[in-house]
Amino acid sequence: MTDPDTPLPRVPGPSGPLTRDRLYHLLATGHIALPALVQALVVAEQHNFHRAAEILGISQSMISSRLMMLEEALDRACAVRSG
């Protein structure tokens, strides 16, 4: 199991469309950690880092740092940040 605070490895090869099958592959090969993906999904559903952090019971800064690691591993933005 991947420690959620460990930086995720970059995904090898070209960055294609982020399809469900690609996400399954990235999870299965350990390129992304399930907690980071779940947190990204909650942020996307809530459209708000603060509400996502409250729902998940973790700090907003933890959500932000894990999402940044996920974005780095995927080589693409997962959220639009304002301010």
C-alpha atoms as a PDB file:
ATOM      1  CA  MET A   1       0.000   0.000   0.000  1.00  0.00           C
ATOM      2  CA  THR A   2       1.306   3.436  -0.905  1.00  0.00           C
ATOM      3  CA  ASP A   3       1.842   5.927   1.914  1.00  0.00           C
ATOM      4  CA  PRO A   4      -0.467   8.848   0.997  1.00  0.00           C
ATOM      5  CA  ASP A   5       2.273  11.363   1.888  1.00  0.00           C
ATOM      6  CA  THR A   6       4.854   9.805  -0.431  1.00  0.00           C
ATOM      7  CA  PRO A   7       5.216  11.633  -3.755  1.00  0.00           C
ATOM      8  CA  LEU A   8       3.682   9.623  -6.556  1.00  0.00           C
ATOM      9  CA  PRO A   9       5.825   8.531  -9.511  1.00  0.00           C
ATOM     10  CA  ARG A  10       5.229  10.226 -12.835  1.00  0.00           C
ATOM     11  CA  VAL A  11       3.141   8.215 -15.235  1.00  0.00           C
ATOM     12  CA  PRO A  12       5.340   6.804 -17.998  1.00  0.00           C
ATOM     13  CA  GLY A  13       4.582   7.314 -21.650  1.00  0.00           C
ATOM     14  CA  PRO A  14       2.435   9.879 -23.394  1.00  0.00           C
ATOM     15  CA  SER A  15      -0.352  11.430 -21.406  1.00  0.00           C
ATOM     16  CA  GLY A  16      -3.467  10.339 -23.227  1.00  0.00           C
ATOM     17  CA  PRO A  17      -7.072  11.021 -22.331  1.00  0.00           C
ATOM     18  CA  LEU A  18      -7.862  10.352 -18.698  1.00  0.00           C
ATOM     19  CA  THR A  19     -10.411   7.587 -19.254  1.00  0.00           C
ATOM     20  CA  ARG A  20     -11.836   5.187 -16.696  1.00  0.00           C
ATOM     21  CA  ASP A  21      -9.658   2.386 -18.096  1.00  0.00           C
ATOM     22  CA  ARG A  22      -6.541   4.577 -17.832  1.00  0.00           C
ATOM     23  CA  LEU A  23      -7.389   5.393 -14.196  1.00  0.00           C
ATOM     24  CA  TYR A  24      -7.872   1.700 -13.404  1.00  0.00           C
ATOM     25  CA  HIS A  25      -4.503   0.968 -14.996  1.00  0.00           C
ATOM     26  CA  LEU A  26      -2.786   3.768 -13.045  1.00  0.00           C
ATOM     27  CA  LEU A  27      -4.298   2.496  -9.788  1.00  0.00           C
ATOM     28  CA  ALA A  28      -3.407  -1.129 -10.519  1.00  0.00           C
ATOM     29  CA  THR A  29       0.207  -0.299 -11.369  1.00  0.00           C
ATOM     30  CA  GLY A  30       0.683   1.941  -8.318  1.00  0.00           C
ATOM     31  CA  HIS A  31       1.144   5.167 -10.271  1.00  0.00           C
ATOM     32  CA  ILE A  32      -1.601   6.828  -8.267  1.00  0.00           C
ATOM     33  CA  ALA A  33      -2.901   6.062  -4.784  1.00  0.00           C
ATOM     34  CA  LEU A  34      -6.586   5.400  -4.187  1.00  0.00           C
ATOM     35  CA  PRO A  35      -6.886   7.956  -1.317  1.00  0.00           C
ATOM     36  CA  ALA A  36      -5.579  10.735  -3.582  1.00  0.00           C
ATOM     37  CA  LEU A  37      -8.070   9.799  -6.298  1.00  0.00           C
ATOM     38  CA  VAL A  38     -10.983   9.652  -3.838  1.00  0.00           C
ATOM     39  CA  GLN A  39     -10.028  13.058  -2.454  1.00  0.00           C
ATOM     40  CA  ALA A  40      -9.839  14.526  -5.973  1.00  0.00           C
ATOM     41  CA  LEU A  41     -13.298  13.150  -6.721  1.00  0.00           C
ATOM     42  CA  VAL A  42     -14.758  14.707  -3.559  1.00  0.00           C
ATOM     43  CA  VAL A  43     -13.188  18.071  -4.463  1.00  0.00           C
ATOM     44  CA  ALA A  44     -14.672  17.773  -7.955  1.00  0.00           C
ATOM     45  CA  GLU A  45     -18.119  16.892  -6.587  1.00  0.00           C
ATOM     46  CA  GLN A  46     -18.093  19.705  -4.024  1.00  0.00           C
ATOM     47  CA  HIS A  47     -16.354  22.335  -6.192  1.00  0.00           C
ATOM     48  CA  ASN A  48     -14.722  23.433  -2.952  1.00  0.00           C
ATOM     49  CA  PHE A  49     -11.561  22.363  -1.110  1.00  0.00           C
ATOM     50  CA  HIS A  50     -12.901  23.407   2.308  1.00  0.00           C
ATOM     51  CA  ARG A  51     -16.146  21.413   2.025  1.00  0.00           C
ATOM     52  CA  ALA A  52     -14.244  18.400   0.655  1.00  0.00           C
ATOM     53  CA  ALA A  53     -11.870  18.541   3.629  1.00  0.00           C
ATOM     54  CA  GLU A  54     -14.811  18.662   6.062  1.00  0.00           C
ATOM     55  CA  ILE A  55     -16.486  15.679   4.381  1.00  0.00           C
ATOM     56  CA  LEU A  56     -13.261  13.649   4.376  1.00  0.00           C
ATOM     57  CA  GLY A  57     -12.284  14.682   7.908  1.00  0.00           C
ATOM     58  CA  ILE A  58      -8.825  15.936   6.925  1.00  0.00           C
ATOM     59  CA  SER A  59      -7.272  19.382   6.630  1.00  0.00           C
ATOM     60  CA  GLN A  60      -7.702  21.560   3.571  1.00  0.00           C
ATOM     61  CA  SER A  61      -3.911  21.791   3.208  1.00  0.00           C
ATOM     62  CA  MET A  62      -3.688  17.968   3.159  1.00  0.00           C
ATOM     63  CA  ILE A  63      -6.284  17.832   0.371  1.00  0.00           C
ATOM     64  CA  SER A  64      -4.378  20.477  -1.567  1.00  0.00           C
ATOM     65  CA  SER A  65      -0.989  18.789  -1.219  1.00  0.00           C
ATOM     66  CA  ARG A  66      -2.318  15.340  -2.176  1.00  0.00           C
ATOM     67  CA  LEU A  67      -4.146  16.803  -5.162  1.00  0.00           C
ATOM     68  CA  MET A  68      -0.937  18.518  -6.295  1.00  0.00           C
ATOM     69  CA  MET A  69       0.906  15.169  -6.052  1.00  0.00           C
ATOM     70  CA  LEU A  70      -1.850  13.526  -8.087  1.00  0.00           C
ATOM     71  CA  GLU A  71      -1.666  16.287 -10.694  1.00  0.00           C
ATOM     72  CA  GLU A  72       2.094  15.873 -10.922  1.00  0.00           C
ATOM     73  CA  ALA A  73       1.766  12.104 -11.357  1.00  0.00           C
ATOM     74  CA  LEU A  74      -0.883  12.540 -14.058  1.00  0.00           C
ATOM     75  CA  ASP A  75       0.956  15.485 -15.632  1.00  0.00           C
ATOM     76  CA  ARG A  76      -2.258  17.486 -15.807  1.00  0.00           C
ATOM     77  CA  ALA A  77      -4.391  19.769 -13.651  1.00  0.00           C
ATOM     78  CA  CYS A  78      -7.244  18.111 -11.770  1.00  0.00           C
ATOM     79  CA  ALA A  79      -8.719  21.265 -10.270  1.00  0.00           C
ATOM     80  CA  VAL A  80      -9.044  24.922 -11.098  1.00  0.00           C
ATOM     81  CA  ARG A  81      -7.768  27.044  -8.255  1.00  0.00           C
ATOM     82  CA  SER A  82      -8.886  30.611  -7.702  1.00  0.00           C
ATOM     83  CA  GLY A  83      -7.202  33.285  -5.623  1.00  0.00           C
END
